[in-house]
Amino acid sequence: MHLRLSGRARVFSDDVNTDYIITSARKRETIDANILQQYMLETLDPRFAASVQPGDFLVAGRNFGCGSAMEVAVTVPCAAGIRAVLAKSFARTYYRNAINNGLIPVECDTSGIQEGDGLSIEIASTLMVHNETRGVTIAALPLPPHMLSILEAGGLVPYFRQHRDFRPSDIARQEQQQREQQQQI
């Protein structure tokens, strides 16, 4: 997988929990992400959802997505056209839900990223974040090959539709090839 995404940084702080992403009160009415996107992050910024543009990146500090394990906290940003979330760290369940739903979790040092900065993310065997506004490149934790395969398919369900199986031997072979390529560099 080789992918390059560009967009604008939308910055939040540490401990953005899933109820901040989409409040429980809104989930009582529906879990349709296309409807709920108009309420995204309203607890933290009531004007945020109306200002989101497709391609924007959510940028946060530590422990992004803590709280309940509702997948709707991942599908709502996806419905709004957000392709990736950058954070210093993620709650484990949110991270996995992101991969399973095609939202790219980028774990990196976000401390130098400011609201509105132009960013590009390059995803391959390595993961790099380029802050075009500040002229800085930030190394991010690479995603394992099996997660890249799931993201490349658009999420876990599309992956299974394409492959009809989860092939650990293929993934192990890909991971071994990646290690060998990195050793040659």
Protein backbone atom coordinates (compact mmCIF):
# COMPACT_ATOMS: atom_id res chain seq x y z
CA MET A 1 0.00 0.00 0.00
CA HIS A 2 1.26 3.45 -0.89
CA LEU A 3 -1.03 6.32 -0.12
CA ARG A 4 -0.56 10.05 0.26
CA LEU A 5 -3.27 12.15 1.90
CA SER A 6 -3.34 15.92 2.28
CA GLY A 7 -5.56 18.10 4.41
CA ARG A 8 -5.97 20.59 7.19
CA ALA A 9 -5.24 19.95 10.89
CA ARG A 10 -8.17 20.22 13.29
CA VAL A 11 -6.55 20.19 16.72
CA PHE A 12 -7.89 18.92 20.04
CA SER A 13 -6.22 18.08 23.37
CA ASP A 14 -5.61 14.90 25.38
CA ASP A 15 -8.30 12.40 26.40
CA VAL A 16 -10.83 13.06 23.66
CA ASN A 17 -13.29 10.32 24.56
CA THR A 18 -15.84 8.64 22.35
CA ASP A 19 -18.69 10.55 23.99
CA TYR A 20 -16.98 13.80 23.00
CA ILE A 21 -16.70 12.55 19.42
CA ILE A 22 -20.43 11.84 19.38
CA THR A 23 -22.50 12.28 22.54
CA SER A 24 -24.63 9.52 24.02
CA ALA A 25 -27.71 11.72 23.75
CA ARG A 26 -27.35 11.82 19.96
CA LYS A 27 -26.82 8.04 19.73
CA ARG A 28 -30.23 7.45 21.32
CA GLU A 29 -31.93 8.84 18.23
CA THR A 30 -29.88 7.03 15.58
CA ILE A 31 -26.49 5.50 14.91
CA ASP A 32 -26.52 6.53 11.26
CA ALA A 33 -23.13 8.22 10.85
CA ASN A 34 -24.36 10.31 7.93
CA ILE A 35 -26.92 11.95 10.21
CA LEU A 36 -24.69 12.10 13.30
CA GLN A 37 -21.78 13.81 11.55
CA GLN A 38 -23.53 17.17 12.02
CA TYR A 39 -23.05 16.74 15.80
CA MET A 40 -19.42 15.55 15.78
CA LEU A 41 -17.35 16.89 18.68
CA GLU A 42 -20.14 19.34 19.62
CA THR A 43 -19.33 18.99 23.34
CA LEU A 44 -15.83 20.37 22.75
CA ASP A 45 -16.70 22.84 19.97
CA PRO A 46 -20.35 23.38 18.97
CA ARG A 47 -19.27 24.90 15.63
CA PHE A 48 -16.80 22.15 14.72
CA ALA A 49 -19.02 19.84 12.65
CA ALA A 50 -20.24 22.69 10.43
CA SER A 51 -16.64 23.71 9.72
CA VAL A 52 -15.26 20.28 8.77
CA GLN A 53 -14.16 19.86 5.18
CA PRO A 54 -13.59 16.48 3.51
CA GLY A 55 -9.90 15.65 3.85
CA ASP A 56 -9.45 17.36 7.22
CA PHE A 57 -7.40 15.47 9.82
CA LEU A 58 -8.30 15.19 13.48
CA VAL A 59 -5.17 15.89 15.54
CA ALA A 60 -5.06 15.24 19.27
CA GLY A 61 -2.80 14.48 22.20
CA ARG A 62 -2.73 11.34 24.29
CA ASN A 63 -5.42 8.70 24.74
CA PHE A 64 -7.62 9.62 21.78
CA GLY A 65 -10.87 7.64 21.67
CA CYS A 66 -10.94 6.57 25.30
CA GLY A 67 -14.31 5.67 26.81
CA SER A 68 -16.96 3.40 25.36
CA ALA A 69 -16.18 1.10 22.46
CA MET A 70 -18.98 2.32 20.17
CA GLU A 71 -17.91 2.06 16.54
CA VAL A 72 -20.03 5.09 15.72
CA ALA A 73 -17.24 7.24 17.22
CA VAL A 74 -15.15 6.05 14.25
CA THR A 75 -17.83 5.99 11.56
CA VAL A 76 -18.95 9.59 12.23
CA PRO A 77 -15.54 11.13 11.33
CA CYS A 78 -15.42 8.84 8.28
CA ALA A 79 -18.86 10.06 7.18
CA ALA A 80 -17.60 13.64 7.49
CA GLY A 81 -14.75 12.89 5.07
CA ILE A 82 -11.99 12.59 7.66
CA ARG A 83 -9.58 9.89 6.51
CA ALA A 84 -7.06 9.92 9.38
CA VAL A 85 -6.65 10.80 13.04
CA LEU A 86 -3.22 11.80 14.34
CA ALA A 87 -2.58 11.42 18.06
CA LYS A 88 0.24 10.84 20.50
CA SER A 89 -1.60 7.69 21.60
CA PHE A 90 -4.95 5.97 21.07
CA ALA A 91 -7.26 3.97 23.28
CA ARG A 92 -6.75 0.39 22.16
CA THR A 93 -10.38 -0.27 21.21
CA TYR A 94 -10.66 2.98 19.23
CA TYR A 95 -7.45 2.16 17.35
CA ARG A 96 -8.77 -1.25 16.34
CA ASN A 97 -12.22 0.11 15.44
CA ALA A 98 -10.51 2.73 13.28
CA ILE A 99 -8.60 0.08 11.31
CA ASN A 100 -11.71 -2.09 10.99
CA ASN A 101 -13.70 0.84 9.57
CA GLY A 102 -11.04 2.28 7.25
CA LEU A 103 -10.07 5.30 9.38
CA ILE A 104 -6.28 5.62 9.53
CA PRO A 105 -4.87 6.00 13.06
CA VAL A 106 -1.50 7.78 12.96
CA GLU A 107 0.48 7.60 16.17
CA CYS A 108 3.05 10.41 16.28
CA ASP A 109 4.21 13.47 18.17
CA THR A 110 1.46 15.99 17.51
CA SER A 111 2.77 18.71 19.84
CA GLY A 112 4.07 20.91 17.00
CA ILE A 113 0.88 20.77 14.91
CA GLN A 114 -1.43 23.77 15.18
CA GLU A 115 -5.04 24.36 14.12
CA GLY A 116 -5.27 24.86 10.37
CA ASP A 117 -1.77 23.60 9.51
CA GLY A 118 -1.56 21.96 6.10
CA LEU A 119 -0.53 18.34 6.53
CA SER A 120 0.25 15.45 4.26
CA ILE A 121 0.54 11.85 5.36
CA GLU A 122 2.55 9.33 3.42
CA ILE A 123 1.67 5.72 4.11
CA ALA A 124 3.86 2.91 2.83
CA SER A 125 6.20 0.56 4.70
CA THR A 126 6.93 3.68 6.76
CA LEU A 127 4.50 6.31 7.92
CA MET A 128 5.48 9.98 7.69
CA VAL A 129 3.59 13.16 8.48
CA HIS A 130 4.68 16.32 6.69
CA ASN A 131 3.60 19.60 8.23
CA GLU A 132 3.64 21.69 5.06
CA THR A 133 2.87 24.89 6.97
CA ARG A 134 5.83 24.57 9.34
CA GLY A 135 8.23 22.69 7.03
CA VAL A 136 8.60 19.80 9.47
CA THR A 137 8.48 16.04 8.91
CA ILE A 138 7.33 13.81 11.75
CA ALA A 139 7.99 10.07 11.86
CA ALA A 140 4.99 8.04 12.94
CA LEU A 141 4.72 4.48 14.17
CA PRO A 142 4.40 2.21 11.12
CA LEU A 143 1.28 0.14 10.66
CA PRO A 144 1.76 -3.63 10.46
CA PRO A 145 1.21 -5.15 6.98
CA HIS A 146 -2.02 -6.91 7.98
CA MET A 147 -3.49 -3.58 9.13
CA LEU A 148 -2.34 -1.91 5.92
CA SER A 149 -4.12 -4.65 3.97
CA ILE A 150 -7.34 -4.01 5.88
CA LEU A 151 -7.05 -0.24 5.38
CA GLU A 152 -6.25 -0.66 1.69
CA ALA A 153 -9.49 -2.63 1.27
CA GLY A 154 -11.44 0.13 3.06
CA GLY A 155 -11.94 -1.72 6.35
CA LEU A 156 -12.46 -5.21 7.68
CA VAL A 157 -15.80 -5.95 6.00
CA PRO A 158 -14.57 -4.90 2.54
CA TYR A 159 -11.39 -6.91 3.18
CA PHE A 160 -13.44 -10.05 3.82
CA ARG A 161 -15.61 -9.36 0.78
CA GLN A 162 -12.49 -9.22 -1.38
CA HIS A 163 -10.56 -12.11 0.17
CA ARG A 164 -13.30 -14.24 1.75
CA ASP A 165 -10.79 -15.13 4.46
CA PHE A 166 -8.15 -13.63 6.68
CA ARG A 167 -4.91 -15.20 5.52
CA PRO A 168 -2.39 -15.20 8.38
CA SER A 169 0.19 -17.02 6.23
CA ASP A 170 -0.01 -14.30 3.56
CA ILE A 171 0.33 -11.63 6.22
CA ALA A 172 3.27 -13.41 7.85
CA ARG A 173 4.94 -13.62 4.43
CA GLN A 174 4.33 -9.89 3.82
CA GLU A 175 5.76 -9.02 7.23
CA GLN A 176 8.85 -11.15 6.55
CA GLN A 177 9.33 -9.47 3.15
CA GLN A 178 9.00 -6.06 4.80
CA ARG A 179 11.65 -6.96 7.42
CA GLU A 180 13.98 -8.16 4.67
CA GLN A 181 13.48 -4.96 2.67
CA GLN A 182 14.22 -2.82 5.73
CA GLN A 183 17.41 -4.79 6.41
CA GLN A 184 18.61 -4.11 2.85
CA ILE A 185 18.24 -0.35 3.33
